[in-house]
Protein backbone atom coordinates (compact mmCIF):
# COMPACT_ATOMS: atom_id res chain seq x y z
CA UNK A 1 -8.45 22.01 -26.91
CA UNK A 2 -7.31 25.31 -25.42
CA UNK A 3 -4.09 27.18 -25.90
CA UNK A 4 -1.81 27.43 -22.88
CA UNK A 5 -2.67 30.34 -20.63
CA UNK A 6 -5.66 31.90 -18.82
CA UNK A 7 -9.20 31.36 -20.16
CA UNK A 8 -12.76 32.11 -19.09
CA UNK A 9 -15.16 29.18 -19.43
CA UNK A 10 -18.91 29.86 -19.46
CA UNK A 11 -21.87 27.49 -19.62
CA UNK A 12 -25.33 28.32 -21.01
CA UNK A 13 -28.64 26.54 -20.72
CA UNK A 14 -30.10 26.52 -24.23
CA UNK A 15 -33.78 27.41 -24.41
CA UNK A 16 -35.72 24.65 -26.13
CA UNK A 17 -39.05 26.38 -26.43
CA UNK A 18 -40.42 29.11 -28.62
CA UNK A 19 -40.45 31.67 -25.83
CA UNK A 20 -37.63 32.85 -23.66
CA UNK A 21 -33.88 32.94 -24.21
CA UNK A 22 -30.74 31.01 -23.36
CA UNK A 23 -29.61 31.32 -19.72
CA UNK A 24 -26.06 31.89 -18.49
CA UNK A 25 -25.38 29.20 -15.88
CA UNK A 26 -22.07 30.63 -14.76
CA UNK A 27 -18.46 31.32 -15.66
CA UNK A 28 -15.10 30.34 -14.23
CA UNK A 29 -11.55 31.49 -14.88
CA UNK A 30 -9.07 28.67 -15.50
CA UNK A 31 -5.41 28.48 -16.43
CA UNK A 32 -4.63 25.83 -19.03
CA UNK A 33 -1.14 24.33 -18.70
CA UNK A 34 -0.35 21.41 -21.04
CA UNK A 35 3.14 21.02 -19.56
CA UNK A 36 3.73 18.22 -17.01
CA UNK A 37 3.67 19.02 -13.31
CA UNK A 38 5.35 17.28 -10.40
CA UNK A 39 8.15 17.43 -7.88
CA UNK A 40 11.61 16.13 -7.09
CA UNK A 41 10.91 15.13 -3.49
CA UNK A 42 14.14 13.59 -2.20
CA UNK A 43 17.63 12.37 -3.09
CA UNK A 44 19.52 10.00 -0.81
CA UNK A 45 22.75 8.04 -1.09
CA UNK A 46 22.00 4.34 -1.30
CA UNK A 47 23.53 1.05 -2.44
CA UNK A 48 24.25 1.29 -6.15
CA UNK A 49 24.11 5.07 -6.39
CA UNK A 50 21.64 7.84 -5.65
CA UNK A 51 18.00 7.10 -4.85
CA UNK A 52 15.81 9.78 -6.49
CA UNK A 53 12.11 10.08 -5.58
CA UNK A 54 9.21 12.29 -6.64
CA UNK A 55 6.11 12.41 -8.83
CA UNK A 56 4.98 13.66 -12.26
CA UNK A 57 1.68 14.07 -14.12
CA UNK A 58 0.96 15.25 -17.65
CA UNK A 59 -2.40 17.10 -17.45
CA UNK A 60 -3.34 15.76 -20.89
CA UNK A 61 -3.30 12.07 -19.93
CA UNK A 62 -4.03 9.79 -16.99
CA UNK A 63 -1.23 7.46 -18.09
CA UNK A 64 2.12 7.30 -16.29
CA UNK A 65 4.74 9.40 -18.05
CA UNK A 66 8.53 9.21 -18.50
CA UNK A 67 10.93 11.02 -16.18
CA UNK A 68 14.59 11.66 -16.99
CA UNK A 69 17.09 12.04 -14.14
CA UNK A 70 20.43 13.71 -14.81
CA UNK A 71 23.48 13.35 -12.58
CA UNK A 72 25.68 16.03 -14.06
CA UNK A 73 25.43 15.39 -17.82
CA UNK A 74 24.58 11.66 -17.52
CA UNK A 75 20.88 10.91 -18.00
CA UNK A 76 18.80 7.95 -16.81
CA UNK A 77 15.23 7.28 -17.99
CA UNK A 78 12.56 6.00 -15.62
CA UNK A 79 8.75 6.03 -15.49
CA UNK A 80 6.52 7.76 -12.97
CA UNK A 81 4.30 4.70 -12.43
CA UNK A 82 4.74 3.95 -8.72
CA UNK A 83 1.66 4.21 -6.49
CA UNK A 84 1.45 7.46 -4.55
CA UNK A 85 -1.76 7.60 -2.50
CA UNK A 86 -1.16 11.26 -1.65
CA UNK A 87 -0.98 12.20 -5.34
CA UNK A 88 -4.12 10.19 -6.11
CA UNK A 89 -5.95 12.10 -3.35
CA UNK A 90 -4.70 15.47 -4.59
CA UNK A 91 -5.47 14.72 -8.27
CA UNK A 92 -8.37 12.21 -8.17
CA UNK A 93 -9.06 12.41 -11.92
CA UNK A 94 -5.56 11.12 -12.69
CA UNK A 95 -5.23 8.22 -10.24
CA UNK A 96 -2.34 7.34 -7.95
CA UNK A 97 0.24 5.73 -10.29
CA UNK A 98 2.42 8.78 -10.86
CA UNK A 99 5.34 8.38 -8.44
CA UNK A 100 8.92 7.63 -9.37
CA UNK A 101 11.61 6.00 -7.24
CA UNK A 102 14.81 5.29 -9.15
CA UNK A 103 18.41 4.54 -8.23
CA UNK A 104 20.88 6.16 -10.61
CA UNK A 105 24.65 5.81 -10.83
CA UNK A 106 26.77 8.16 -8.72
CA UNK A 107 30.07 8.54 -10.61
CA UNK A 108 33.00 10.52 -9.28
CA UNK A 109 33.49 12.00 -5.85
CA UNK A 110 32.39 15.36 -4.47
CA UNK A 111 29.45 17.69 -5.14
CA UNK A 112 27.26 16.92 -8.16
CA UNK A 113 24.00 18.41 -9.43
CA UNK A 114 21.03 16.06 -9.80
CA UNK A 115 18.02 17.22 -11.86
CA UNK A 116 14.74 15.50 -12.80
CA UNK A 117 12.57 16.31 -15.83
CA UNK A 118 9.00 15.22 -16.57
CA UNK A 119 8.74 14.30 -20.26
CA UNK A 120 5.73 15.78 -22.03
CA UNK A 121 3.63 13.30 -24.05
CA UNK A 122 1.45 15.64 -26.14
CA UNK A 123 1.25 19.44 -26.48
CA UNK A 124 3.57 21.54 -24.35
CA UNK A 125 7.15 21.13 -23.17
CA UNK A 126 9.17 18.98 -20.80
CA UNK A 127 9.14 20.31 -17.24
CA UNK A 128 12.00 20.65 -14.79
CA UNK A 129 10.83 19.04 -11.54
CA UNK A 130 13.79 20.30 -9.54
CA UNK A 131 17.53 20.14 -9.00
CA UNK A 132 19.59 19.34 -5.91
CA UNK A 133 23.31 19.42 -5.22
CA UNK A 134 24.52 16.33 -3.37
CA UNK A 135 27.97 15.30 -2.19
CA UNK A 136 28.96 11.87 -3.48
CA UNK A 137 31.34 9.77 -1.39
CA UNK A 138 32.53 6.21 -1.96
CA UNK A 139 34.78 5.70 1.06
CA UNK A 140 33.34 3.71 3.98
CA UNK A 141 32.02 5.55 7.01
CA UNK A 142 31.57 4.44 10.62
CA UNK A 143 32.70 4.89 14.18
CA UNK A 144 34.22 3.35 17.29
CA UNK A 145 31.38 3.52 19.79
CA UNK A 146 33.26 2.06 22.73
CA UNK A 147 36.45 0.39 23.97
CA UNK A 148 36.16 -1.61 27.19
CA UNK A 149 38.85 -3.12 29.42
CA UNK A 150 37.95 -6.76 30.21
CA UNK A 151 40.94 -7.74 32.36
CA UNK A 152 43.15 -9.58 29.84
CA UNK A 153 41.07 -8.55 26.80
CA UNK A 154 39.91 -5.36 25.12
CA UNK A 155 36.40 -5.20 23.65
CA UNK A 156 35.94 -2.88 20.67
CA UNK A 157 32.46 -2.01 19.34
CA UNK A 158 31.09 0.27 16.64
CA UNK A 159 29.70 0.29 13.11
CA UNK A 160 30.83 0.63 9.48
CA UNK A 161 29.05 1.09 6.13
CA UNK A 162 30.36 1.28 2.56
CA UNK A 163 28.08 3.70 0.66
CA UNK A 164 28.39 1.58 -2.50
CA UNK A 165 26.85 -1.59 -1.06
CA UNK A 166 24.21 -2.74 1.37
CA UNK A 167 26.33 -5.77 2.32
CA UNK A 168 28.26 -6.01 5.56
CA UNK A 169 31.91 -5.01 5.14
CA UNK A 170 35.18 -5.95 6.83
CA UNK A 171 36.93 -3.91 9.49
CA UNK A 172 40.45 -4.29 10.87
CA UNK A 173 40.97 -3.57 14.57
CA UNK A 174 44.62 -2.92 15.40
CA UNK A 175 46.06 -3.12 18.89
CA UNK A 176 49.66 -1.94 18.97
CA UNK A 177 49.92 -2.58 15.20
CA UNK A 178 48.54 -6.15 15.22
CA UNK A 179 45.30 -6.58 13.21
CA UNK A 180 42.16 -8.50 14.09
CA UNK A 181 39.80 -9.02 11.11
CA UNK A 182 36.08 -8.65 11.84
CA UNK A 183 32.94 -8.46 9.68
CA UNK A 184 30.70 -5.51 10.54
CA UNK A 185 27.57 -7.64 10.28
CA UNK A 186 26.04 -7.40 13.76
CA UNK A 187 22.50 -6.04 13.97
CA UNK A 188 22.26 -2.34 14.81
CA UNK A 189 18.61 -1.27 14.65
CA UNK A 190 19.61 2.35 15.27
CA UNK A 191 21.46 2.51 11.94
CA UNK A 192 18.59 1.50 9.62
CA UNK A 193 16.53 4.70 10.12
CA UNK A 194 19.62 6.89 9.70
CA UNK A 195 20.83 5.10 6.55
CA UNK A 196 17.65 3.86 4.81
CA UNK A 197 18.37 1.34 2.11
CA UNK A 198 21.36 -0.16 3.87
CA UNK A 199 19.61 -2.23 6.52
CA UNK A 200 20.81 -2.84 10.07
CA UNK A 201 23.61 -5.46 9.66
CA UNK A 202 26.55 -3.08 10.01
CA UNK A 203 27.67 -3.29 13.64
CA UNK A 204 30.83 -4.87 14.95
CA UNK A 205 31.95 -6.17 18.35
CA UNK A 206 35.24 -7.96 18.91
CA UNK A 207 37.21 -8.99 21.99
CA UNK A 208 41.00 -9.02 21.58
CA UNK A 209 43.53 -10.55 24.03
CA UNK A 210 46.09 -8.07 25.44
CA UNK A 211 48.85 -7.95 28.01
CA UNK A 212 48.76 -5.68 31.05
CA UNK A 213 49.67 -2.05 30.46
CA UNK A 214 48.76 0.80 28.10
CA UNK A 215 47.64 0.03 24.53
CA UNK A 216 46.37 1.91 21.48
CA UNK A 217 43.34 0.58 19.55
CA UNK A 218 42.73 1.75 15.96
CA UNK A 219 39.94 0.62 13.62
CA UNK A 220 39.85 0.79 9.80
CA UNK A 221 36.92 0.12 7.46
CA UNK A 222 37.84 -1.74 4.26
CA UNK A 223 36.50 -0.24 1.03
CA UNK A 224 34.33 -2.75 -0.85
CA UNK A 225 35.63 -1.54 -4.24
CA UNK A 226 39.30 -1.63 -3.28
CA UNK A 227 39.70 2.09 -2.61
CA UNK A 228 41.38 3.70 0.42
CA UNK A 229 40.48 2.18 3.78
CA UNK A 230 39.60 5.09 6.10
CA UNK A 231 40.35 5.15 9.80
CA UNK A 232 37.32 5.07 12.06
CA UNK A 233 39.43 6.39 14.94
CA UNK A 234 41.86 5.35 17.67
CA UNK A 235 41.44 4.95 21.43
CA UNK A 236 43.87 4.47 24.32
CA UNK A 237 43.23 1.78 26.95
């Protein structure tokens, strides 16, 4: 075993006869680092908390190693044992099972620092894989995409997501203060790529009877955990 740091490694062919001498086959300079290596690749808001992804390898073992993720001062242990073909190709001697993909709790509201550490299994120290500051929100988000006049009815369409759940949530569409209750569960394939982890069942379309004349339409998304129900906007028709 080598100490951590730079070293020169040389190989010699040993003469086996009575004449001649040993031959230097070559030398190479290497840097020995027993500490784990890896990366914190991405953090995204998802159902149940924050989805944290990356990879970690301890140079002294081919086995998957522990990773600890901290949201503020709260730590969560996971293992970097998910298959990552790109890591296997970059480090063929270690194999591909060195990715981690964990969902950790997202307490509080507002900016919070998320850090990931690779836990050393032999000589060396734990390694910081990276830190990111993310803004945690729990209130539902969404929009009114359109309000259409259909003679004696008004059609209201849009989408709504509660960051704390992947389930479809309820919206209230008010016309002149009278509520219509709708589940935002219609398929919206455009939402899934923008909010990975939540799926596409977060659209809403409702048609509400009205009398002739001007009206105001307002939509509210209902918080799944019983918090404030934010307005998604108002339109005149």
